[in-house]
Amino acid sequence: MNELFIIAPIATVILIGRMLDAVGAVSPQTFRETNKILYWLSIPALLLRLTARADFDALGGWNLFFAVYGTYFSLPFLAWGLGRLFKEERKRLAISALTSMRSNQVFMGIPAVSIAMGNPGLEALSLFLAMSLVGYHVISIASSQLVLSKGLSWRSLLGTTSNVVRNPMVLACLAGILCSSLGLRQFPGWIDTTLKVLGDIGTGLALLALGANIKIASLKGLFRSTWRDCTVKLCLHPMILFLLFSLLPVERTMMQVVVFCSAMPVAVNSLVVAQGMDMDEHYASELIAVSTTLSVFTLPIWIRILGI
């Protein structure tokens, strides 16, 4: 029953966000502006503070790197292959490749880890994000472009990389790594408190905004069209990582956090990527909504498996 008590607050806050949007108590524009605050300020502050404090010796050598990036490189090809079997058209295949590895690590993962595992979990998550965020963006976008255009251009790849390294969350992680390597693991009191206050506002707001973005009416009849990619994201992604960690062991808390985050639904910002790259954005929005709804049922299973 412990896993139900962990998921219940997350599901409840997401539902409250959905209700606020449904009754018009908060305008869609408000949630869009809230997402900007989370993206540019609150979450980077949280990541900077936690990454600077993190002990990078806990990464477990190269095991974490090989397990995570081995999964990142294999999942888009797996999703693409399954889509080809079902004769999906190219723009939808590109979405399958894109979303196969793009977990909602930030807007749902950070709140979920905070509730389920507390500060030790958040510290492990900050290490994981610092190590993986750049590859997460570059590999997912490059693989979807490969499917979409049947090839990669250096120009588009450099453009993607340029956008990634300007991502505020990536910059916050890199700044935290620099502070940690220079021995600045504890900021002066007033700076540390400021970062903590900014970081603390993100958990609830992220879940409320996520709920507001899910359109319940659009879920009717969509399970049949999205089940394959939902299975890849919610089941195969964490399963592959879990199996790789049995061969490439890392510290237990780190393993739990990484697999738990990989079991999160499709990242909301995948829709922005789909729109910018002229992929099937309608299917992307459907996949985000359905995978988020299904994760309420699949996440408790992973919590039980992982022993959180």
Protein backbone atom coordinates (compact mmCIF):
# COMPACT_ATOMS: atom_id res chain seq x y z
CA MET A 1 0.00 0.00 0.00
CA ASN A 2 2.99 2.33 0.45
CA GLU A 3 3.20 2.97 -3.30
CA LEU A 4 -0.42 4.16 -3.35
CA PHE A 5 0.27 6.68 -0.60
CA ILE A 6 3.24 7.98 -2.63
CA ILE A 7 1.27 8.36 -5.85
CA ALA A 8 -1.93 9.70 -4.23
CA PRO A 9 -0.59 13.24 -3.51
CA ILE A 10 0.89 13.47 -7.01
CA ALA A 11 -2.33 12.33 -8.70
CA THR A 12 -4.42 14.59 -6.45
CA VAL A 13 -2.45 17.75 -7.25
CA ILE A 14 -2.52 16.93 -10.98
CA LEU A 15 -6.30 16.45 -10.71
CA ILE A 16 -6.67 19.79 -8.91
CA GLY A 17 -4.79 21.45 -11.77
CA ARG A 18 -7.17 19.77 -14.25
CA MET A 19 -10.18 20.99 -12.26
CA LEU A 20 -8.86 24.55 -12.02
CA ASP A 21 -8.52 24.64 -15.79
CA ALA A 22 -11.92 22.96 -16.37
CA VAL A 23 -13.89 25.47 -14.28
CA GLY A 24 -11.91 28.42 -15.59
CA ALA A 25 -10.65 29.42 -12.15
CA VAL A 26 -7.19 29.91 -13.63
CA SER A 27 -6.67 30.92 -17.23
CA PRO A 28 -4.51 28.87 -19.63
CA GLN A 29 -2.29 31.94 -19.98
CA THR A 30 -1.58 31.81 -16.23
CA PHE A 31 -0.33 28.25 -16.47
CA ARG A 32 1.79 29.10 -19.50
CA GLU A 33 3.42 31.91 -17.56
CA THR A 34 3.82 29.60 -14.56
CA ASN A 35 5.70 27.13 -16.75
CA LYS A 36 8.08 29.91 -17.74
CA ILE A 37 8.80 30.65 -14.06
CA LEU A 38 9.45 26.97 -13.42
CA TYR A 39 11.58 26.55 -16.53
CA TRP A 40 13.71 29.66 -16.20
CA LEU A 41 13.91 30.18 -12.45
CA SER A 42 12.54 27.69 -9.94
CA ILE A 43 13.84 24.39 -11.30
CA PRO A 44 17.28 25.78 -12.30
CA ALA A 45 17.63 27.15 -8.74
CA LEU A 46 16.78 23.73 -7.30
CA LEU A 47 19.21 21.95 -9.62
CA LEU A 48 22.04 24.41 -8.97
CA ARG A 49 21.71 24.04 -5.20
CA LEU A 50 21.47 20.25 -5.23
CA THR A 51 24.14 19.66 -7.88
CA ALA A 52 26.65 21.87 -6.07
CA ARG A 53 26.10 19.82 -2.91
CA ALA A 54 26.24 16.47 -4.68
CA ASP A 55 28.98 13.94 -4.17
CA PHE A 56 30.00 12.91 -7.67
CA ASP A 57 31.85 9.90 -6.33
CA ALA A 58 28.37 8.43 -5.83
CA LEU A 59 27.90 8.17 -9.59
CA GLY A 60 29.34 4.65 -9.43
CA GLY A 61 32.13 5.06 -11.94
CA TRP A 62 31.10 4.50 -15.55
CA ASN A 63 28.26 2.10 -14.79
CA LEU A 64 25.60 4.81 -14.58
CA PHE A 65 26.83 6.46 -17.77
CA PHE A 66 26.82 3.22 -19.80
CA ALA A 67 23.42 2.10 -18.48
CA VAL A 68 21.71 5.44 -19.11
CA TYR A 69 23.25 6.19 -22.49
CA GLY A 70 22.94 2.60 -23.65
CA THR A 71 19.22 2.95 -23.02
CA TYR A 72 19.06 6.35 -24.72
CA PHE A 73 20.68 5.05 -27.88
CA SER A 74 18.60 1.86 -28.10
CA LEU A 75 15.09 3.13 -27.34
CA PRO A 76 14.54 5.33 -30.43
CA PHE A 77 15.50 2.41 -32.69
CA LEU A 78 13.20 0.08 -30.75
CA ALA A 79 10.26 2.50 -31.03
CA TRP A 80 11.00 3.11 -34.72
CA GLY A 81 11.14 -0.63 -35.43
CA LEU A 82 7.81 -1.28 -33.72
CA GLY A 83 6.24 1.59 -35.64
CA ARG A 84 7.51 0.19 -38.93
CA LEU A 85 5.89 -3.15 -38.11
CA PHE A 86 2.56 -1.36 -37.81
CA LYS A 87 3.23 0.66 -41.00
CA GLU A 88 3.03 4.07 -39.34
CA GLU A 89 3.70 7.11 -41.49
CA ARG A 90 7.00 8.97 -41.11
CA LYS A 91 5.89 11.97 -39.05
CA ARG A 92 4.31 9.67 -36.47
CA LEU A 93 7.38 7.41 -36.50
CA ALA A 94 9.47 10.49 -35.69
CA ILE A 95 7.27 11.15 -32.64
CA SER A 96 7.75 7.53 -31.56
CA ALA A 97 11.54 7.91 -31.72
CA LEU A 98 11.45 11.30 -29.98
CA THR A 99 9.22 10.32 -27.06
CA SER A 100 10.64 6.84 -26.41
CA MET A 101 13.28 8.28 -24.05
CA ARG A 102 11.89 11.72 -23.15
CA SER A 103 10.54 11.16 -19.65
CA ASN A 104 8.89 14.00 -17.76
CA GLN A 105 11.89 14.11 -15.39
CA VAL A 106 11.42 17.73 -14.37
CA PHE A 107 7.76 18.73 -14.10
CA MET A 108 6.69 15.33 -12.74
CA GLY A 109 9.93 13.56 -11.85
CA ILE A 110 11.25 16.14 -9.39
CA PRO A 111 7.96 16.39 -7.43
CA ALA A 112 7.55 12.59 -7.45
CA VAL A 113 11.09 11.93 -6.21
CA SER A 114 10.72 14.65 -3.58
CA ILE A 115 7.53 13.06 -2.21
CA ALA A 116 8.71 9.47 -2.50
CA MET A 117 12.35 9.70 -1.44
CA GLY A 118 12.98 13.10 0.11
CA ASN A 119 16.31 14.93 -0.01
CA PRO A 120 18.50 11.84 -0.62
CA GLY A 121 16.44 11.10 -3.71
CA LEU A 122 16.68 14.70 -4.92
CA GLU A 123 20.45 14.67 -4.49
CA ALA A 124 20.71 11.49 -6.56
CA LEU A 125 18.35 13.00 -9.15
CA SER A 126 20.50 16.12 -9.46
CA LEU A 127 23.54 13.94 -10.19
CA PHE A 128 21.59 11.98 -12.78
CA LEU A 129 20.30 15.13 -14.50
CA ALA A 130 23.75 16.72 -14.51
CA MET A 131 25.15 13.64 -16.25
CA SER A 132 22.28 13.00 -18.67
CA LEU A 133 20.45 16.20 -19.65
CA VAL A 134 22.61 17.11 -22.64
CA GLY A 135 22.45 13.59 -24.11
CA TYR A 136 18.73 13.38 -23.31
CA HIS A 137 17.99 16.34 -25.57
CA VAL A 138 20.54 15.79 -28.31
CA ILE A 139 19.93 12.05 -28.82
CA SER A 140 16.13 12.26 -28.75
CA ILE A 141 15.99 15.19 -31.19
CA ALA A 142 18.71 13.81 -33.48
CA SER A 143 17.06 10.37 -33.67
CA SER A 144 13.65 11.86 -34.50
CA GLN A 145 15.22 14.01 -37.18
CA LEU A 146 16.96 10.94 -38.58
CA VAL A 147 13.58 9.20 -38.90
CA LEU A 148 11.89 12.29 -40.31
CA SER A 149 14.45 13.15 -42.98
CA LYS A 150 16.26 9.80 -43.41
CA GLY A 151 19.48 11.54 -42.52
CA LEU A 152 21.21 14.10 -40.30
CA SER A 153 22.77 17.38 -41.34
CA TRP A 154 25.64 18.98 -39.46
CA ARG A 155 23.79 22.28 -39.53
CA SER A 156 20.69 20.93 -37.82
CA LEU A 157 22.75 18.92 -35.32
CA LEU A 158 24.82 21.97 -34.39
CA GLY A 159 21.63 24.01 -34.05
CA THR A 160 20.16 21.41 -31.70
CA THR A 161 23.34 21.32 -29.62
CA SER A 162 23.40 25.12 -29.44
CA ASN A 163 19.83 25.20 -28.13
CA VAL A 164 20.57 22.49 -25.58
CA VAL A 165 23.61 24.20 -24.07
CA ARG A 166 21.50 27.36 -23.59
CA ASN A 167 18.84 25.41 -21.73
CA PRO A 168 18.61 26.95 -18.21
CA MET A 169 18.39 23.54 -16.54
CA VAL A 170 21.49 22.32 -18.36
CA LEU A 171 23.33 25.53 -17.44
CA ALA A 172 22.26 25.17 -13.80
CA CYS A 173 23.59 21.61 -13.67
CA LEU A 174 26.88 22.64 -15.29
CA ALA A 175 27.23 25.55 -12.86
CA GLY A 176 26.56 23.19 -9.95
CA ILE A 177 29.19 20.74 -11.22
CA LEU A 178 31.70 23.61 -11.47
CA CYS A 179 30.93 24.77 -7.92
CA SER A 180 31.28 21.22 -6.60
CA SER A 181 34.58 20.66 -8.41
CA LEU A 182 35.92 23.93 -6.97
CA GLY A 183 34.94 22.86 -3.45
CA LEU A 184 32.05 25.36 -3.18
CA ARG A 185 29.49 22.80 -1.98
CA GLN A 186 27.81 25.11 0.53
CA PHE A 187 26.72 28.56 -0.64
CA PRO A 188 26.67 31.53 1.78
CA GLY A 189 23.56 31.45 3.96
CA TRP A 190 21.52 34.11 2.19
CA ILE A 191 22.28 32.69 -1.28
CA ASP A 192 21.48 29.14 -0.16
CA THR A 193 18.18 30.28 1.37
CA THR A 194 17.26 32.22 -1.77
CA LEU A 195 17.91 29.19 -3.96
CA LYS A 196 15.94 26.96 -1.58
CA VAL A 197 12.92 29.30 -1.57
CA LEU A 198 12.93 29.51 -5.37
CA GLY A 199 13.32 25.73 -5.68
CA ASP A 200 10.58 24.95 -3.17
CA ILE A 201 7.89 26.77 -5.16
CA GLY A 202 8.34 24.40 -8.08
CA THR A 203 6.95 21.10 -6.79
CA GLY A 204 3.28 21.98 -6.47
CA LEU A 205 3.19 24.42 -9.37
CA ALA A 206 4.74 21.89 -11.75
CA LEU A 207 2.06 19.31 -10.96
CA LEU A 208 -0.77 21.85 -11.18
CA ALA A 209 0.46 23.04 -14.58
CA LEU A 210 0.80 19.45 -15.78
CA GLY A 211 -2.80 18.71 -14.78
CA ALA A 212 -4.08 21.82 -16.53
CA ASN A 213 -2.42 20.74 -19.77
CA ILE A 214 -4.16 17.33 -19.85
CA LYS A 215 -7.40 17.46 -21.81
CA ILE A 216 -9.58 14.65 -20.44
CA ALA A 217 -12.06 14.81 -23.31
CA SER A 218 -9.26 14.02 -25.76
CA LEU A 219 -8.49 10.71 -24.05
CA LYS A 220 -11.60 8.96 -25.39
CA GLY A 221 -10.64 6.41 -28.00
CA LEU A 222 -6.95 7.33 -27.90
CA PHE A 223 -5.66 4.29 -26.00
CA ARG A 224 -5.92 2.14 -29.11
CA SER A 225 -3.73 4.49 -31.18
CA THR A 226 -1.16 5.26 -28.51
CA TRP A 227 -0.78 1.94 -26.64
CA ARG A 228 2.42 0.94 -28.42
CA ASP A 229 4.39 4.10 -27.64
CA CYS A 230 2.92 4.26 -24.13
CA THR A 231 4.18 0.72 -23.55
CA VAL A 232 7.67 1.67 -24.74
CA LYS A 233 7.77 4.75 -22.53
CA LEU A 234 6.10 3.50 -19.35
CA CYS A 235 7.23 -0.14 -19.37
CA LEU A 236 10.13 -0.92 -21.71
CA HIS A 237 12.21 2.18 -20.89
CA PRO A 238 12.39 1.49 -17.13
CA MET A 239 12.61 -2.28 -17.71
CA ILE A 240 15.69 -1.96 -19.93
CA LEU A 241 17.38 0.32 -17.40
CA PHE A 242 16.49 -2.00 -14.53
CA LEU A 243 18.02 -4.95 -16.36
CA LEU A 244 21.15 -3.00 -17.28
CA PHE A 245 21.65 -1.99 -13.65
CA SER A 246 21.64 -5.66 -12.71
CA LEU A 247 24.70 -6.01 -14.97
CA LEU A 248 26.18 -2.57 -14.22
CA PRO A 249 25.37 -1.98 -10.54
CA VAL A 250 25.31 1.47 -8.97
CA GLU A 251 24.39 2.72 -5.50
CA ARG A 252 20.82 1.64 -4.62
CA THR A 253 19.29 5.11 -4.22
CA MET A 254 20.73 6.17 -7.56
CA MET A 255 19.33 3.07 -9.25
CA GLN A 256 15.89 3.68 -7.76
CA VAL A 257 15.82 7.32 -8.81
CA VAL A 258 16.99 6.72 -12.38
CA VAL A 259 14.58 3.85 -13.05
CA PHE A 260 11.72 5.70 -11.31
CA CYS A 261 12.30 8.79 -13.47
CA SER A 262 12.51 6.67 -16.61
CA ALA A 263 9.04 5.34 -15.79
CA MET A 264 7.57 8.86 -15.91
CA PRO A 265 5.21 9.74 -18.79
CA VAL A 266 6.23 11.56 -21.95
CA ALA A 267 7.74 15.00 -21.30
CA VAL A 268 5.36 17.89 -21.97
CA ASN A 269 8.01 19.84 -23.89
CA SER A 270 8.03 17.07 -26.52
CA LEU A 271 5.06 18.89 -28.06
CA VAL A 272 7.17 22.02 -28.54
CA VAL A 273 9.87 19.96 -30.26
CA ALA A 274 7.28 18.27 -32.49
CA GLN A 275 5.86 21.63 -33.54
CA GLY A 276 9.28 23.08 -34.26
CA MET A 277 10.38 20.09 -36.37
CA ASP A 278 7.11 19.69 -38.31
CA MET A 279 6.31 16.26 -36.89
CA ASP A 280 2.85 14.93 -36.00
CA GLU A 281 2.15 17.39 -33.18
CA HIS A 282 -1.44 16.17 -32.77
CA TYR A 283 -0.19 12.67 -32.03
CA ALA A 284 2.45 14.10 -29.68
CA SER A 285 -0.22 15.86 -27.61
CA GLU A 286 -2.32 12.68 -27.51
CA LEU A 287 0.67 10.64 -26.35
CA ILE A 288 1.48 13.12 -23.57
CA ALA A 289 -2.10 13.06 -22.29
CA VAL A 290 -2.55 9.28 -22.42
CA SER A 291 0.88 8.39 -20.99
CA THR A 292 0.37 10.83 -18.10
CA THR A 293 -3.01 9.28 -17.32
CA LEU A 294 -1.70 5.72 -17.52
CA SER A 295 1.31 6.56 -15.34
CA VAL A 296 -1.03 6.88 -12.36
CA PHE A 297 -1.45 3.10 -12.64
CA THR A 298 2.05 2.09 -13.81
CA LEU A 299 4.12 4.16 -11.37
CA PRO A 300 2.83 2.30 -8.27
CA ILE A 301 3.98 -0.94 -9.90
CA TRP A 302 7.48 0.44 -10.38
CA ILE A 303 7.53 1.80 -6.83
CA ARG A 304 6.79 -1.73 -5.61
CA ILE A 305 9.41 -3.30 -7.91
CA LEU A 306 12.08 -0.78 -6.86
CA GLY A 307 11.27 -1.07 -3.16
CA ILE A 308 10.86 2.70 -2.70
